[in-house]
C-alpha atoms as a PDB file:
ATOM      1  CA  LEU A   1       0.000   0.000   0.000  1.00  0.00           C
ATOM      2  CA  VAL A   2       2.790   2.406   0.897  1.00  0.00           C
ATOM      3  CA  GLU A   3       4.503   1.723  -2.420  1.00  0.00           C
ATOM      4  CA  ILE A   4       1.294   2.481  -4.330  1.00  0.00           C
ATOM      5  CA  LEU A   5       0.827   5.751  -2.451  1.00  0.00           C
ATOM      6  CA  GLU A   6       4.443   6.768  -3.059  1.00  0.00           C
ATOM      7  CA  LYS A   7       4.071   6.029  -6.780  1.00  0.00           C
ATOM      8  CA  TYR A   8       0.872   8.107  -6.888  1.00  0.00           C
ATOM      9  CA  HIS A   9       2.635  10.935  -5.060  1.00  0.00           C
ATOM     10  CA  LYS A  10       5.527  10.951  -7.514  1.00  0.00           C
ATOM     11  CA  GLN A  11       3.263  10.960 -10.560  1.00  0.00           C
ATOM     12  CA  SER A  12       0.580  13.375  -9.369  1.00  0.00           C
ATOM     13  CA  GLY A  13       2.518  15.606  -7.008  1.00  0.00           C
ATOM     14  CA  LYS A  14      -0.186  15.096  -4.365  1.00  0.00           C
ATOM     15  CA  ARG A  15       0.782  13.813  -0.960  1.00  0.00           C
ATOM     16  CA  LEU A  16      -1.774  11.386   0.469  1.00  0.00           C
ATOM     17  CA  TRP A  17       0.357   9.589   3.021  1.00  0.00           C
ATOM     18  CA  ASP A  18       1.361  12.270   5.513  1.00  0.00           C
ATOM     19  CA  ALA A  19       2.819  12.123   9.010  1.00  0.00           C
ATOM     20  CA  LYS A  20      -0.626  11.746  10.592  1.00  0.00           C
ATOM     21  CA  HIS A  21      -1.309   8.629   8.554  1.00  0.00           C
ATOM     22  CA  GLU A  22       2.166   7.321   9.335  1.00  0.00           C
ATOM     23  CA  ASN A  23       1.493   7.749  13.057  1.00  0.00           C
ATOM     24  CA  ILE A  24      -1.833   5.956  12.738  1.00  0.00           C
ATOM     25  CA  SER A  25      -0.157   3.140  10.826  1.00  0.00           C
ATOM     26  CA  ASN A  26       2.502   2.823  13.531  1.00  0.00           C
ATOM     27  CA  GLU A  27      -0.170   2.793  16.236  1.00  0.00           C
ATOM     28  CA  ILE A  28      -2.071   0.044  14.406  1.00  0.00           C
ATOM     29  CA  ASP A  29       1.116  -2.032  14.162  1.00  0.00           C
ATOM     30  CA  ARG A  30       1.803  -1.515  17.870  1.00  0.00           C
ATOM     31  CA  ILE A  31      -1.728  -2.534  18.833  1.00  0.00           C
ATOM     32  CA  LYS A  32      -1.562  -5.627  16.605  1.00  0.00           C
ATOM     33  CA  LYS A  33       1.676  -6.712  18.314  1.00  0.00           C
ATOM     34  CA  GLU A  34       0.156  -6.074  21.735  1.00  0.00           C
ATOM     35  CA  ASN A  35      -2.923  -8.081  20.777  1.00  0.00           C
ATOM     36  CA  ASP A  36      -0.763 -10.981  19.562  1.00  0.00           C
ATOM     37  CA  SER A  37       1.158 -10.924  22.834  1.00  0.00           C
ATOM     38  CA  MET A  38      -2.058 -10.924  24.845  1.00  0.00           C
ATOM     39  CA  GLN A  39      -3.426 -13.834  22.798  1.00  0.00           C
ATOM     40  CA  ILE A  40      -0.304 -15.859  23.598  1.00  0.00           C
ATOM     41  CA  GLU A  41      -0.572 -14.935  27.275  1.00  0.00           C
ATOM     42  CA  LEU A  42      -4.239 -15.976  27.341  1.00  0.00           C
ATOM     43  CA  THR A  43      -3.345 -19.299  25.727  1.00  0.00           C
ATOM     44  CA  HIS A  44      -0.746 -19.890  28.436  1.00  0.00           C
ATOM     45  CA  MET A  45      -3.174 -18.858  31.190  1.00  0.00           C
ATOM     46  CA  LYS A  46      -5.557 -21.543  29.930  1.00  0.00           C
ATOM     47  CA  GLY A  47      -2.737 -24.082  30.331  1.00  0.00           C
ATOM     48  CA  GLU A  48      -2.213 -24.515  26.608  1.00  0.00           C
ATOM     49  CA  GLU A  49       1.135 -24.525  24.804  1.00  0.00           C
ATOM     50  CA  ILE A  50       3.160 -24.214  28.005  1.00  0.00           C
ATOM     51  CA  GLN A  51       5.707 -26.928  27.194  1.00  0.00           C
ATOM     52  CA  SER A  52       8.275 -24.450  25.903  1.00  0.00           C
ATOM     53  CA  LEU A  53       7.994 -22.033  28.838  1.00  0.00           C
ATOM     54  CA  HIS A  54      10.802 -21.637  31.335  1.00  0.00           C
ATOM     55  CA  HIS A  55      10.403 -22.075  35.072  1.00  0.00           C
ATOM     56  CA  LYS A  56      10.191 -18.317  35.751  1.00  0.00           C
ATOM     57  CA  GLU A  57       7.446 -17.890  33.142  1.00  0.00           C
ATOM     58  CA  LEU A  58       5.467 -20.776  34.630  1.00  0.00           C
ATOM     59  CA  MET A  59       5.853 -19.312  38.111  1.00  0.00           C
ATOM     60  CA  ALA A  60       4.553 -15.941  36.871  1.00  0.00           C
ATOM     61  CA  ILE A  61       1.502 -17.629  35.335  1.00  0.00           C
ATOM     62  CA  GLU A  62       0.877 -19.575  38.536  1.00  0.00           C
ATOM     63  CA  GLU A  63       1.081 -16.386  40.596  1.00  0.00           C
ATOM     64  CA  ALA A  64      -1.309 -14.547  38.250  1.00  0.00           C
ATOM     65  CA  LEU A  65      -3.809 -17.403  38.465  1.00  0.00           C
ATOM     66  CA  GLU A  66      -3.541 -17.533  42.265  1.00  0.00           C
ATOM     67  CA  ASN A  67      -4.078 -13.763  42.490  1.00  0.00           C
ATOM     68  CA  GLY A  68      -7.103 -14.026  40.219  1.00  0.00           C
ATOM     69  CA  LEU A  69      -8.552 -16.849  42.285  1.00  0.00           C
ATOM     70  CA  ALA A  70      -7.980 -14.900  45.502  1.00  0.00           C
ATOM     71  CA  GLY A  71      -9.773 -11.912  43.984  1.00  0.00           C
ATOM     72  CA  ILE A  72     -12.754 -14.057  43.076  1.00  0.00           C
ATOM     73  CA  ARG A  73     -12.894 -15.598  46.545  1.00  0.00           C
ATOM     74  CA  ASP A  74     -12.779 -12.138  48.131  1.00  0.00           C
ATOM     75  CA  LYS A  75     -15.813 -11.066  46.106  1.00  0.00           C
ATOM     76  CA  GLN A  76     -17.836 -14.114  47.170  1.00  0.00           C
END
């Protein structure tokens, strides 16, 4: 898409892809990466695909689950 816009800019002299659009594009990329990371974390929290995790990562998941369970028990 960027290549097409650059080609259009060169041929027409009109600038469609400005800094504002670049910032929005960067923000979208950042949010996509964050979403991917959260999807992986959710998968691990459900106990799936944890074979490759190191001890520290497993301990962090265990602690997060225990904290969540404690929060639920406090509300009951």
